[in-house]
Amino acid sequence: MAEPYWNGGDVQLYVGDSREILPDLGITADLIVADPPYAETSLTWDRWPGNWPLLVREAARSMWCFGSMRMFLERGHEFTGAGWKLSQDVIWEKHNGSGFAADRFKRVHETVTHWYRGDWRDLHHEVPRVPHLGPDETRPTKRRSQPAHTGTVAARGWSDDGTRMARTVLRIRSAHHRAIHPTEKPVELLDLLIRYACPPGGMVVDPFAGSGSTLEAARLTGRKAIGIEAHEPYAEAAARRLAQAPLGAS
């Protein structure tokens, strides 16, 4: 069995191919958060790890996966062929673009899809609440008058607590100004995804750990986490990040 490259107790980081390491660990987690190479550039690291949705499926029955529309259209059969069912998609709107093509619209978003196996009702799924910046919309209690033969209708009201359900389009600044990986995702975004699909105290697995942002977000929300990164220089940078990051919720 592989030994952790970095071990922080509830958070562990391994180096190697997740398709080999994850089955060998024999763990059962609550959630996979995957940000695989999209295979859309000529960069040496941007190569699709064939069949990974099948080879990681036993680790958890719930999974968020980052990608582009092109990626999911080309690789969707690998997800469905492995028994994954699509539940929803979320759009991450960046504050700046990542594309340089002059013959297309400027690309300022990425797609995040949620997949699951088994019965939906058996999985943790709780939409997180986010701050509402608009006016207070508290509605006073009102009792509607009804004819006697229809019975009494209960009084209705609503108190605005200053939050709303997170929406399917999330505008969050990217991490380019401080990123240690070219495709690093912001902790604020990962926080929402993890809170939605992993119960407090549960475990998150990231098979493409990169900069370690998923591991940091999991720890900050009080979850355990296991990350696997194929390239040791990024694993080293992620380990330094995790060693310096504050501890999460108890």
Protein backbone atom coordinates (compact mmCIF):
# COMPACT_ATOMS: atom_id res chain seq x y z
CA MET A 1 0.00 0.00 0.00
CA ALA A 2 1.24 3.48 -0.88
CA GLU A 3 2.56 5.70 1.89
CA PRO A 4 1.31 9.30 2.15
CA TYR A 5 3.60 11.94 0.69
CA TRP A 6 2.23 14.31 3.35
CA ASN A 7 0.16 13.35 6.37
CA GLY A 8 -1.72 15.91 8.40
CA GLY A 9 -3.91 13.48 10.32
CA ASP A 10 -7.36 14.06 8.85
CA VAL A 11 -5.80 15.22 5.56
CA GLN A 12 -3.43 13.05 3.55
CA LEU A 13 -1.71 13.58 0.21
CA TYR A 14 -0.32 10.84 -2.04
CA VAL A 15 1.85 11.03 -5.16
CA GLY A 16 1.12 8.84 -8.14
CA ASP A 17 -1.64 7.77 -10.51
CA SER A 18 -5.00 7.93 -8.73
CA ARG A 19 -6.29 5.08 -10.90
CA GLU A 20 -3.75 2.83 -9.18
CA ILE A 21 -3.49 4.35 -5.71
CA LEU A 22 -7.15 4.91 -4.90
CA PRO A 23 -8.32 1.29 -5.39
CA ASP A 24 -5.29 0.14 -3.38
CA LEU A 25 -6.29 2.33 -0.42
CA GLY A 26 -9.64 0.57 -0.19
CA ILE A 27 -11.40 3.59 1.35
CA THR A 28 -15.07 4.50 1.31
CA ALA A 29 -15.53 8.27 1.21
CA ASP A 30 -18.60 10.49 1.02
CA LEU A 31 -17.58 12.60 -1.96
CA ILE A 32 -15.13 12.78 -4.85
CA VAL A 33 -14.14 16.22 -6.11
CA ALA A 34 -12.36 15.80 -9.44
CA ASP A 35 -10.64 18.37 -11.63
CA PRO A 36 -9.07 16.18 -14.35
CA PRO A 37 -7.01 17.49 -17.26
CA TYR A 38 -9.52 18.56 -19.94
CA ALA A 39 -7.19 17.50 -22.80
CA GLU A 40 -7.86 20.71 -24.71
CA THR A 41 -4.31 22.08 -25.05
CA SER A 42 -0.87 20.91 -26.16
CA LEU A 43 0.58 21.30 -22.67
CA THR A 44 2.40 18.18 -21.51
CA TRP A 45 0.31 17.74 -18.36
CA ASP A 46 -3.02 18.24 -20.19
CA ARG A 47 -3.68 14.59 -21.02
CA TRP A 48 -6.95 12.83 -20.21
CA PRO A 49 -6.43 9.93 -17.75
CA GLY A 50 -8.37 7.27 -19.62
CA ASN A 51 -11.19 5.48 -17.82
CA TRP A 52 -10.64 7.25 -14.51
CA PRO A 53 -14.43 7.59 -13.79
CA LEU A 54 -14.60 3.77 -13.70
CA LEU A 55 -11.43 3.26 -11.68
CA VAL A 56 -12.39 5.69 -8.89
CA ARG A 57 -16.08 4.79 -8.67
CA GLU A 58 -15.76 2.50 -5.66
CA ALA A 59 -14.33 5.31 -3.53
CA ALA A 60 -17.64 7.20 -3.24
CA ARG A 61 -21.18 7.35 -4.64
CA SER A 62 -21.24 11.13 -5.08
CA MET A 63 -18.90 13.19 -7.26
CA TRP A 64 -18.38 16.76 -8.44
CA CYS A 65 -16.33 17.01 -11.63
CA PHE A 66 -14.96 20.16 -13.24
CA GLY A 67 -14.79 20.38 -17.01
CA SER A 68 -15.82 22.13 -20.21
CA MET A 69 -18.83 21.40 -22.40
CA ARG A 70 -16.47 19.94 -25.00
CA MET A 71 -14.89 17.65 -22.42
CA PHE A 72 -18.18 16.31 -21.10
CA LEU A 73 -19.57 15.75 -24.61
CA GLU A 74 -16.46 13.85 -25.66
CA ARG A 75 -15.97 11.90 -22.42
CA GLY A 76 -19.52 11.53 -21.13
CA HIS A 77 -19.69 7.86 -22.09
CA GLU A 78 -16.89 7.13 -19.60
CA PHE A 79 -19.07 8.50 -16.78
CA THR A 80 -22.33 6.81 -17.78
CA GLY A 81 -20.50 3.60 -18.71
CA ALA A 82 -19.13 3.47 -15.17
CA GLY A 83 -22.63 3.76 -13.71
CA TRP A 84 -22.54 7.47 -12.84
CA LYS A 85 -25.83 9.38 -13.18
CA LEU A 86 -25.91 13.13 -13.74
CA SER A 87 -27.86 15.11 -11.16
CA GLN A 88 -27.10 18.74 -12.02
CA ASP A 89 -24.61 21.19 -13.42
CA VAL A 90 -23.25 24.40 -11.93
CA ILE A 91 -21.49 27.24 -13.73
CA TRP A 92 -18.46 28.87 -12.17
CA GLU A 93 -18.20 32.40 -13.55
CA LYS A 94 -14.67 33.75 -13.18
CA HIS A 95 -13.77 37.39 -12.79
CA ASN A 96 -11.44 37.08 -15.78
CA GLY A 97 -11.07 34.86 -18.82
CA SER A 98 -8.76 31.92 -19.38
CA GLY A 99 -8.90 31.65 -23.17
CA PHE A 100 -6.80 33.47 -25.74
CA ALA A 101 -8.68 32.56 -28.95
CA ALA A 102 -9.63 35.68 -30.90
CA ASP A 103 -12.28 33.93 -33.02
CA ARG A 104 -14.56 32.88 -30.14
CA PHE A 105 -16.39 34.54 -27.26
CA LYS A 106 -14.10 35.22 -24.35
CA ARG A 107 -14.33 32.22 -22.06
CA VAL A 108 -14.99 33.25 -18.47
CA HIS A 109 -16.65 30.15 -17.06
CA GLU A 110 -16.20 26.48 -16.28
CA THR A 111 -18.82 23.82 -15.78
CA VAL A 112 -19.06 21.67 -12.66
CA THR A 113 -21.23 18.58 -12.90
CA HIS A 114 -22.54 16.48 -10.03
CA TRP A 115 -22.75 12.72 -10.53
CA TYR A 116 -24.05 9.97 -8.28
CA ARG A 117 -24.58 6.22 -8.05
CA GLY A 118 -27.30 4.33 -6.24
CA ASP A 119 -30.43 5.92 -4.78
CA TRP A 120 -30.51 9.69 -4.65
CA ARG A 121 -32.37 9.70 -1.35
CA ASP A 122 -29.50 7.84 0.33
CA LEU A 123 -26.95 10.53 -0.49
CA HIS A 124 -26.13 13.71 1.38
CA HIS A 125 -27.29 16.74 -0.59
CA GLU A 126 -27.94 20.00 1.25
CA VAL A 127 -27.86 23.26 -0.68
CA PRO A 128 -25.66 25.74 1.22
CA ARG A 129 -26.95 29.20 2.11
CA VAL A 130 -25.09 32.28 0.91
CA PRO A 131 -25.36 35.95 1.99
CA HIS A 132 -28.14 37.98 0.36
CA LEU A 133 -27.05 41.51 -0.49
CA GLY A 134 -30.49 42.83 -1.43
CA PRO A 135 -33.16 44.42 0.76
CA ASP A 136 -34.78 42.67 3.70
CA GLU A 137 -37.80 40.78 2.34
CA THR A 138 -39.44 39.80 5.63
CA ARG A 139 -43.16 39.32 5.10
CA PRO A 140 -45.50 39.96 8.02
CA THR A 141 -47.88 37.26 9.17
CA LYS A 142 -51.24 37.45 7.45
CA ARG A 143 -54.41 35.48 7.97
CA ARG A 144 -56.50 35.08 4.88
CA SER A 145 -60.22 35.14 5.35
CA GLN A 146 -62.07 32.10 3.97
CA PRO A 147 -65.69 31.08 3.77
CA ALA A 148 -66.75 29.08 6.82
CA HIS A 149 -67.27 25.85 4.88
CA THR A 150 -63.61 25.73 3.68
CA GLY A 151 -62.11 25.66 7.15
CA THR A 152 -59.33 27.79 8.62
CA VAL A 153 -56.13 28.63 6.78
CA ALA A 154 -53.05 28.93 8.99
CA ALA A 155 -51.38 32.30 9.33
CA ARG A 156 -48.43 32.79 7.00
CA GLY A 157 -45.30 34.88 7.27
CA TRP A 158 -41.61 34.77 6.43
CA SER A 159 -38.60 36.17 8.25
CA ASP A 160 -35.62 37.12 6.08
CA ASP A 161 -32.44 35.75 7.71
CA GLY A 162 -30.15 37.50 5.21
CA THR A 163 -29.27 34.33 3.27
CA ARG A 164 -30.50 32.55 0.16
CA MET A 165 -29.95 29.14 -1.41
CA ALA A 166 -26.78 29.07 -3.50
CA ARG A 167 -27.60 29.45 -7.20
CA THR A 168 -26.42 27.41 -10.18
CA VAL A 169 -24.28 30.29 -11.45
CA LEU A 170 -21.53 31.15 -8.95
CA ARG A 171 -19.45 34.26 -9.59
CA ILE A 172 -16.23 33.79 -7.63
CA ARG A 173 -12.81 35.25 -8.28
CA SER A 174 -10.29 32.82 -9.71
CA ALA A 175 -7.01 32.19 -7.93
CA HIS A 176 -4.66 33.32 -10.71
CA HIS A 177 -2.98 36.07 -8.69
CA ARG A 178 -1.78 33.58 -6.07
CA ALA A 179 -2.19 30.21 -7.77
CA ILE A 180 0.43 27.49 -7.49
CA HIS A 181 -1.20 25.39 -10.23
CA PRO A 182 -2.39 26.58 -13.68
CA THR A 183 -5.91 25.20 -13.18
CA GLU A 184 -6.27 25.89 -9.44
CA LYS A 185 -9.83 26.32 -8.19
CA PRO A 186 -10.72 28.85 -5.47
CA VAL A 187 -11.36 27.54 -1.96
CA GLU A 188 -14.57 29.60 -1.76
CA LEU A 189 -16.05 27.67 -4.68
CA LEU A 190 -14.91 24.28 -3.39
CA ASP A 191 -16.36 25.13 0.02
CA LEU A 192 -19.88 25.34 -1.47
CA LEU A 193 -19.52 22.10 -3.43
CA ILE A 194 -18.20 20.20 -0.43
CA ARG A 195 -20.85 21.53 1.96
CA TYR A 196 -23.55 20.46 -0.50
CA ALA A 197 -22.48 16.85 -1.01
CA CYS A 198 -20.40 15.80 2.00
CA PRO A 199 -21.81 15.67 5.55
CA PRO A 200 -19.90 17.38 8.39
CA GLY A 201 -17.12 15.10 9.54
CA GLY A 202 -17.28 13.11 6.30
CA MET A 203 -14.48 12.38 3.86
CA VAL A 204 -13.61 14.00 0.53
CA VAL A 205 -11.33 12.43 -2.10
CA ASP A 206 -9.55 14.45 -4.78
CA PRO A 207 -7.93 12.18 -7.41
CA PHE A 208 -6.25 15.16 -9.15
CA ALA A 209 -5.14 17.17 -6.15
CA GLY A 210 -2.98 19.75 -7.96
CA SER A 211 -2.41 22.69 -5.62
CA GLY A 212 -4.27 21.09 -2.71
CA SER A 213 -7.13 23.59 -2.74
CA THR A 214 -9.78 20.88 -2.36
CA LEU A 215 -7.91 19.43 0.61
CA GLU A 216 -7.66 22.85 2.22
CA ALA A 217 -11.37 23.57 1.63
CA ALA A 218 -12.34 20.18 3.08
CA ARG A 219 -10.30 20.75 6.22
CA LEU A 220 -11.66 24.27 6.69
CA THR A 221 -15.21 22.88 6.61
CA GLY A 222 -14.46 20.15 9.14
CA ARG A 223 -14.18 17.27 6.68
CA LYS A 224 -11.44 14.68 6.26
CA ALA A 225 -9.68 14.53 2.91
CA ILE A 226 -7.40 12.37 0.79
CA GLY A 227 -5.69 13.82 -2.28
CA ILE A 228 -3.64 12.16 -5.01
CA GLU A 229 -1.38 14.13 -7.36
CA ALA A 230 0.56 12.59 -10.24
CA HIS A 231 3.25 15.28 -10.46
CA GLU A 232 5.58 15.52 -7.47
CA PRO A 233 6.46 19.24 -7.87
CA TYR A 234 2.79 20.14 -7.45
CA ALA A 235 2.44 17.67 -4.57
CA GLU A 236 5.39 19.35 -2.86
CA ALA A 237 3.80 22.78 -3.29
CA ALA A 238 0.45 21.44 -2.05
CA ALA A 239 2.12 19.91 1.01
CA ARG A 240 3.70 23.27 1.88
CA ARG A 241 0.33 24.95 1.47
CA LEU A 242 -1.42 22.45 3.72
CA ALA A 243 1.29 22.67 6.36
CA GLN A 244 0.73 26.44 6.58
CA ALA A 245 -3.05 26.47 6.23
CA PRO A 246 -5.20 27.03 9.33
CA LEU A 247 -7.08 24.14 10.88
CA GLY A 248 -10.76 23.81 10.06
CA ALA A 249 -13.95 23.51 12.05
CA SER A 250 -14.06 21.03 14.90
